[in-house]
């Protein structure tokens, strides 16, 4: 018998009438009577008996109806789980480093509304060194973040061991950021040793970099006067003060002040480590839902072909 048939007989018991139940269920009375007969034959019991006041359940029918109600309730709970799972599947959790998130999130949101309008995006910004750990904890199946060359080998090994793909989306570097009024503004490059007497501002998350990272050397080489919660505040501080900053090139790609020349983005030299930073997508391909796969494809497009207004001096997209 079908779950619908159990619902039918409980409706008959509630209405005390096959004809009234048939109207409520929008099926024919003859069809409903036939369904009741088929259930009685299958269970070898009589469920209902006719009386002057309508149809009522027999003693065996009462037991059967009690069990039917329990089954219907359990079925309702199961369908609720399915409904919640379906809603969750449309929710796309994305782990992103601050630099990647500040550049990618708006574009990704716009494109997802076009390509997967039922999806809801939730962006998380863990510490960069906690990106892989956050994936292991199940926070998201998809992540986008920066890794320096000195960190990459270990990160790739950890990812591979845990079934996570690391896909390079964009090749980047750290740059010196100064205002147009800085004495370095017209330089083609600046050696890190020249900056020892300057004052820098940093994003607070850079403190999580490893000791041997490119930024760690720059950070130790130049006194810090402030640390801000976002890259935008760092750039505004440089723009309006006689301060410098070290930021990855991606932070200037869609920046109006960099495009106009108010902020200057200058290659750094003299670093002990390779000044190479990659933007990577991390994912477990077999576990990606359709909306997550769509978000990944949009991220690829953003970094590979969809980046307008590239300031001079920045490396090309892959």
Protein backbone atom coordinates (compact mmCIF):
# COMPACT_ATOMS: atom_id res chain seq x y z
CA UNK A 1 0.00 0.00 0.00
CA UNK A 2 1.05 3.61 -0.51
CA UNK A 3 1.47 6.33 2.10
CA UNK A 4 -1.34 8.19 0.33
CA UNK A 5 -3.69 5.28 1.08
CA UNK A 6 -2.98 5.61 4.80
CA UNK A 7 -3.80 9.30 4.55
CA UNK A 8 -7.06 8.38 2.79
CA UNK A 9 -8.28 6.05 5.52
CA UNK A 10 -7.44 8.54 8.28
CA UNK A 11 -9.50 11.13 6.39
CA UNK A 12 -12.43 8.71 6.24
CA UNK A 13 -12.17 8.12 9.99
CA UNK A 14 -12.06 11.88 10.58
CA UNK A 15 -15.09 12.60 8.34
CA UNK A 16 -16.99 9.40 9.31
CA UNK A 17 -18.00 9.30 5.64
CA UNK A 18 -16.40 7.90 2.50
CA UNK A 19 -18.25 10.39 0.29
CA UNK A 20 -17.20 13.43 2.36
CA UNK A 21 -13.61 12.15 2.52
CA UNK A 22 -13.61 11.63 -1.26
CA UNK A 23 -14.66 15.25 -1.80
CA UNK A 24 -12.00 16.49 0.60
CA UNK A 25 -9.35 14.38 -1.14
CA UNK A 26 -10.57 15.29 -4.65
CA UNK A 27 -10.95 11.68 -5.74
CA UNK A 28 -14.00 9.66 -6.76
CA UNK A 29 -16.06 7.93 -4.10
CA UNK A 30 -15.93 4.63 -6.01
CA UNK A 31 -12.14 4.89 -6.28
CA UNK A 32 -11.82 5.61 -2.56
CA UNK A 33 -14.06 2.66 -1.67
CA UNK A 34 -11.93 0.42 -3.89
CA UNK A 35 -8.76 1.61 -2.13
CA UNK A 36 -10.25 0.81 1.29
CA UNK A 37 -11.25 -2.65 0.03
CA UNK A 38 -7.73 -3.30 -1.31
CA UNK A 39 -6.17 -2.37 2.06
CA UNK A 40 -8.62 -4.61 3.92
CA UNK A 41 -7.82 -7.49 1.57
CA UNK A 42 -4.09 -6.93 1.94
CA UNK A 43 -4.25 -6.88 5.76
CA UNK A 44 -7.11 -9.39 5.99
CA UNK A 45 -9.12 -7.18 8.33
CA UNK A 46 -12.23 -4.99 8.20
CA UNK A 47 -11.28 -1.37 8.84
CA UNK A 48 -14.70 0.32 8.81
CA UNK A 49 -18.28 -0.61 9.44
CA UNK A 50 -21.37 1.33 8.51
CA UNK A 51 -23.72 2.69 11.20
CA UNK A 52 -26.66 5.07 11.23
CA UNK A 53 -24.29 7.87 12.25
CA UNK A 54 -21.77 7.11 9.47
CA UNK A 55 -18.79 4.82 9.00
CA UNK A 56 -16.75 4.06 12.12
CA UNK A 57 -13.62 2.05 12.68
CA UNK A 58 -13.84 -1.54 13.87
CA UNK A 59 -11.69 -2.69 16.78
CA UNK A 60 -9.06 -3.92 14.34
CA UNK A 61 -9.54 -0.73 12.33
CA UNK A 62 -8.77 1.40 15.40
CA UNK A 63 -5.43 -0.38 15.85
CA UNK A 64 -4.67 -0.03 12.17
CA UNK A 65 -5.57 3.68 12.18
CA UNK A 66 -3.35 4.28 15.21
CA UNK A 67 -0.39 2.74 13.39
CA UNK A 68 -1.29 4.61 10.20
CA UNK A 69 -1.14 7.95 12.04
CA UNK A 70 2.30 7.10 13.43
CA UNK A 71 3.54 6.16 9.96
CA UNK A 72 2.14 9.37 8.48
CA UNK A 73 3.82 11.44 11.21
CA UNK A 74 7.15 9.70 10.62
CA UNK A 75 6.77 10.21 6.89
CA UNK A 76 6.19 13.91 7.53
CA UNK A 77 9.40 14.08 9.56
CA UNK A 78 11.32 12.37 6.76
CA UNK A 79 10.00 14.76 4.13
CA UNK A 80 10.96 17.69 6.37
CA UNK A 81 14.53 16.37 6.49
CA UNK A 82 14.48 16.13 2.70
CA UNK A 83 13.12 19.67 2.42
CA UNK A 84 15.78 21.05 4.77
CA UNK A 85 18.50 19.19 2.86
CA UNK A 86 17.20 20.69 -0.36
CA UNK A 87 17.36 24.19 1.15
CA UNK A 88 20.87 23.56 2.44
CA UNK A 89 21.95 22.39 -0.98
CA UNK A 90 21.00 25.81 -2.35
CA UNK A 91 23.07 27.56 0.30
CA UNK A 92 26.65 28.01 -0.89
CA UNK A 93 29.22 28.52 1.85
CA UNK A 94 32.49 29.98 0.58
CA UNK A 95 35.70 30.37 2.54
CA UNK A 96 37.76 33.28 1.24
CA UNK A 97 40.87 35.16 2.26
CA UNK A 98 40.21 38.86 2.86
CA UNK A 99 41.90 39.92 -0.38
CA UNK A 100 40.03 37.36 -2.47
CA UNK A 101 36.72 38.05 -0.74
CA UNK A 102 36.87 41.83 -1.12
CA UNK A 103 37.42 41.47 -4.86
CA UNK A 104 35.44 38.36 -5.77
CA UNK A 105 32.35 38.46 -3.53
CA UNK A 106 30.36 41.22 -5.29
CA UNK A 107 31.03 39.84 -8.78
CA UNK A 108 30.20 36.31 -7.65
CA UNK A 109 26.96 37.44 -6.03
CA UNK A 110 25.88 39.27 -9.19
CA UNK A 111 26.62 36.31 -11.45
CA UNK A 112 25.03 33.72 -9.15
CA UNK A 113 21.77 35.68 -9.23
CA UNK A 114 21.77 35.22 -12.98
CA UNK A 115 22.96 31.61 -13.20
CA UNK A 116 21.66 30.09 -9.96
CA UNK A 117 18.95 32.45 -8.66
CA UNK A 118 17.75 30.03 -5.97
CA UNK A 119 21.17 30.04 -4.30
CA UNK A 120 22.16 32.03 -1.24
CA UNK A 121 25.85 32.81 -0.75
CA UNK A 122 27.46 32.90 2.68
CA UNK A 123 31.05 34.15 2.75
CA UNK A 124 33.41 33.24 5.59
CA UNK A 125 36.79 34.88 6.23
CA UNK A 126 38.89 32.55 8.38
CA UNK A 127 42.50 33.32 9.14
CA UNK A 128 44.42 32.42 6.02
CA UNK A 129 46.39 29.73 7.85
CA UNK A 130 43.09 28.20 9.00
CA UNK A 131 41.60 27.92 5.52
CA UNK A 132 42.27 24.19 5.08
CA UNK A 133 41.30 23.42 8.68
CA UNK A 134 37.97 25.17 8.12
CA UNK A 135 37.32 22.91 5.15
CA UNK A 136 38.14 19.82 7.25
CA UNK A 137 35.58 21.02 9.79
CA UNK A 138 32.92 21.03 7.08
CA UNK A 139 32.28 24.77 7.06
CA UNK A 140 32.42 24.85 3.26
CA UNK A 141 33.26 22.69 0.25
CA UNK A 142 34.72 25.64 -1.64
CA UNK A 143 37.47 28.09 -0.69
CA UNK A 144 39.48 30.82 -2.44
CA UNK A 145 42.68 32.14 -0.90
CA UNK A 146 46.31 33.25 -1.22
CA UNK A 147 49.34 31.05 -0.68
CA UNK A 148 52.92 32.21 -0.93
CA UNK A 149 55.53 30.05 -2.67
CA UNK A 150 57.20 29.24 0.67
CA UNK A 151 53.91 27.84 2.02
CA UNK A 152 52.62 26.12 -1.08
CA UNK A 153 54.33 22.72 -0.89
CA UNK A 154 53.05 21.98 2.61
CA UNK A 155 49.56 23.28 1.81
CA UNK A 156 49.32 21.14 -1.33
CA UNK A 157 50.44 18.05 0.57
CA UNK A 158 47.85 18.58 3.31
CA UNK A 159 45.14 19.25 0.74
CA UNK A 160 46.01 16.19 -1.34
CA UNK A 161 46.07 13.93 1.74
CA UNK A 162 42.54 15.06 2.58
CA UNK A 163 41.14 14.75 -0.95
CA UNK A 164 41.09 18.48 -1.64
CA UNK A 165 42.06 19.93 -5.01
CA UNK A 166 44.12 23.14 -5.08
CA UNK A 167 43.61 24.89 -8.42
CA UNK A 168 45.68 27.96 -9.31
CA UNK A 169 43.41 30.79 -10.45
CA UNK A 170 45.72 33.81 -10.45
CA UNK A 171 49.47 34.50 -10.15
CA UNK A 172 50.19 37.45 -7.87
CA UNK A 173 52.93 39.22 -5.88
CA UNK A 174 53.26 41.64 -2.98
CA UNK A 175 53.67 45.30 -3.98
CA UNK A 176 54.61 48.54 -2.32
CA UNK A 177 51.58 50.81 -2.07
CA UNK A 178 52.20 54.56 -1.75
CA UNK A 179 50.30 57.74 -2.53
CA UNK A 180 50.98 59.85 -5.63
CA UNK A 181 52.81 62.35 -3.36
CA UNK A 182 55.35 59.79 -2.13
CA UNK A 183 59.00 60.10 -3.14
CA UNK A 184 58.67 56.54 -4.49
CA UNK A 185 55.61 57.30 -6.63
CA UNK A 186 57.41 57.40 -9.98
CA UNK A 187 59.76 54.50 -9.33
CA UNK A 188 59.59 51.35 -11.48
CA UNK A 189 60.63 49.23 -8.48
CA UNK A 190 61.75 49.69 -4.89
CA UNK A 191 64.22 47.59 -2.89
CA UNK A 192 62.91 46.57 0.53
CA UNK A 193 66.13 47.88 2.14
CA UNK A 194 65.25 51.44 1.05
CA UNK A 195 62.13 51.42 3.21
CA UNK A 196 63.71 50.92 6.63
CA UNK A 197 62.92 54.50 7.74
CA UNK A 198 59.32 54.50 6.47
CA UNK A 199 56.16 53.79 8.46
CA UNK A 200 53.68 51.16 7.33
CA UNK A 201 50.05 50.22 7.89
CA UNK A 202 48.90 46.61 7.60
CA UNK A 203 45.77 44.48 7.47
CA UNK A 204 45.54 42.69 10.82
CA UNK A 205 45.30 39.23 9.25
CA UNK A 206 48.89 39.46 7.97
CA UNK A 207 50.08 38.61 11.45
CA UNK A 208 49.15 34.99 10.71
CA UNK A 209 51.81 34.67 8.00
CA UNK A 210 54.63 32.22 8.61
CA UNK A 211 58.04 33.49 9.74
CA UNK A 212 59.66 32.84 6.37
CA UNK A 213 56.91 34.39 4.24
CA UNK A 214 57.45 37.33 1.90
CA UNK A 215 55.30 39.62 3.98
CA UNK A 216 56.96 38.57 7.24
CA UNK A 217 60.26 39.94 5.92
CA UNK A 218 58.62 43.18 4.77
CA UNK A 219 56.81 43.51 8.09
CA UNK A 220 60.01 43.11 10.08
CA UNK A 221 61.89 45.54 7.84
CA UNK A 222 59.55 48.52 8.30
CA UNK A 223 58.02 49.87 11.54
CA UNK A 224 54.25 49.52 11.80
CA UNK A 225 52.04 52.35 13.03
CA UNK A 226 48.60 50.80 12.61
CA UNK A 227 46.76 47.61 11.72
CA UNK A 228 43.30 47.75 10.13
CA UNK A 229 40.49 45.25 9.80
CA UNK A 230 40.21 45.62 6.02
CA UNK A 231 42.39 46.25 2.99
CA UNK A 232 40.22 49.23 2.05
CA UNK A 233 41.10 51.01 5.29
CA UNK A 234 44.78 50.27 4.70
CA UNK A 235 44.61 51.85 1.23
CA UNK A 236 42.68 54.88 2.49
CA UNK A 237 45.28 55.40 5.19
CA UNK A 238 48.07 55.34 2.60
CA UNK A 239 46.12 57.66 0.35
CA UNK A 240 45.59 60.27 3.05
CA UNK A 241 48.83 59.95 5.05
CA UNK A 242 52.54 59.76 4.45
CA UNK A 243 52.49 56.00 5.04
CA UNK A 244 53.24 52.88 3.01
CA UNK A 245 51.69 49.41 2.79
CA UNK A 246 52.58 46.02 1.37
CA UNK A 247 49.61 44.38 -0.35
CA UNK A 248 49.03 41.66 -2.89
CA UNK A 249 48.31 42.97 -6.39
CA UNK A 250 44.76 41.64 -6.42
CA UNK A 251 43.82 44.38 -3.95
CA UNK A 252 44.33 47.04 -6.63
CA UNK A 253 42.70 45.37 -9.62
CA UNK A 254 39.31 47.08 -9.27
CA UNK A 255 40.57 50.02 -7.24
CA UNK A 256 39.58 53.44 -8.60
CA UNK A 257 42.48 55.21 -6.88
CA UNK A 258 44.99 52.78 -8.35
CA UNK A 259 43.42 53.14 -11.79
CA UNK A 260 43.60 56.96 -11.58
CA UNK A 261 47.16 56.97 -10.21
CA UNK A 262 46.24 58.44 -6.81
CA UNK A 263 47.63 55.22 -5.35
CA UNK A 264 50.83 53.84 -6.85
CA UNK A 265 51.48 50.10 -7.01
CA UNK A 266 55.23 49.44 -7.26
CA UNK A 267 57.04 46.08 -7.58
CA UNK A 268 59.21 45.13 -4.59
CA UNK A 269 62.76 43.81 -4.93
CA UNK A 270 65.46 42.68 -2.52
CA UNK A 271 63.32 40.12 -0.71
CA UNK A 272 65.02 36.98 0.60
CA UNK A 273 62.10 34.78 -0.46
CA UNK A 274 60.48 34.62 -3.88
CA UNK A 275 57.84 37.30 -4.16
CA UNK A 276 55.28 34.92 -5.63
CA UNK A 277 51.74 34.55 -4.38
CA UNK A 278 49.05 32.38 -5.95
CA UNK A 279 45.28 32.70 -5.62
CA UNK A 280 43.94 29.16 -5.37
CA UNK A 281 40.52 27.57 -5.40
CA UNK A 282 40.18 24.66 -2.97
CA UNK A 283 37.42 22.10 -3.30
CA UNK A 284 36.42 18.44 -3.04
CA UNK A 285 35.15 17.96 -6.55
CA UNK A 286 33.05 14.85 -5.82
CA UNK A 287 31.17 16.69 -3.05
CA UNK A 288 30.39 19.95 -4.85
CA UNK A 289 26.70 20.66 -5.25
CA UNK A 290 25.45 22.16 -8.50
CA UNK A 291 25.35 25.72 -7.05
CA UNK A 292 28.88 25.26 -5.63
CA UNK A 293 30.11 24.08 -9.03
CA UNK A 294 28.51 27.17 -10.57
CA UNK A 295 30.26 29.42 -8.02
CA UNK A 296 33.59 27.76 -8.77
CA UNK A 297 33.18 28.34 -12.50
CA UNK A 298 32.34 32.02 -11.92
CA UNK A 299 35.46 32.38 -9.74
CA UNK A 300 37.54 30.90 -12.56
CA UNK A 301 36.05 33.36 -15.03
CA UNK A 302 36.63 36.29 -12.68
CA UNK A 303 40.32 35.62 -12.22
CA UNK A 304 41.10 34.41 -15.72
CA UNK A 305 39.16 36.70 -17.99
CA UNK A 306 36.81 39.02 -16.15
CA UNK A 307 39.18 41.45 -14.43
CA UNK A 308 38.91 44.96 -15.92
CA UNK A 309 41.05 48.05 -15.39
CA UNK A 310 44.32 46.32 -14.58
CA UNK A 311 46.81 48.93 -13.27
CA UNK A 312 50.24 49.07 -14.86
CA UNK A 313 52.78 46.84 -13.20
CA UNK A 314 50.37 44.11 -12.10
CA UNK A 315 50.93 40.60 -13.45
CA UNK A 316 48.48 39.35 -16.07
CA UNK A 317 45.79 36.85 -15.20
CA UNK A 318 46.47 33.25 -16.11
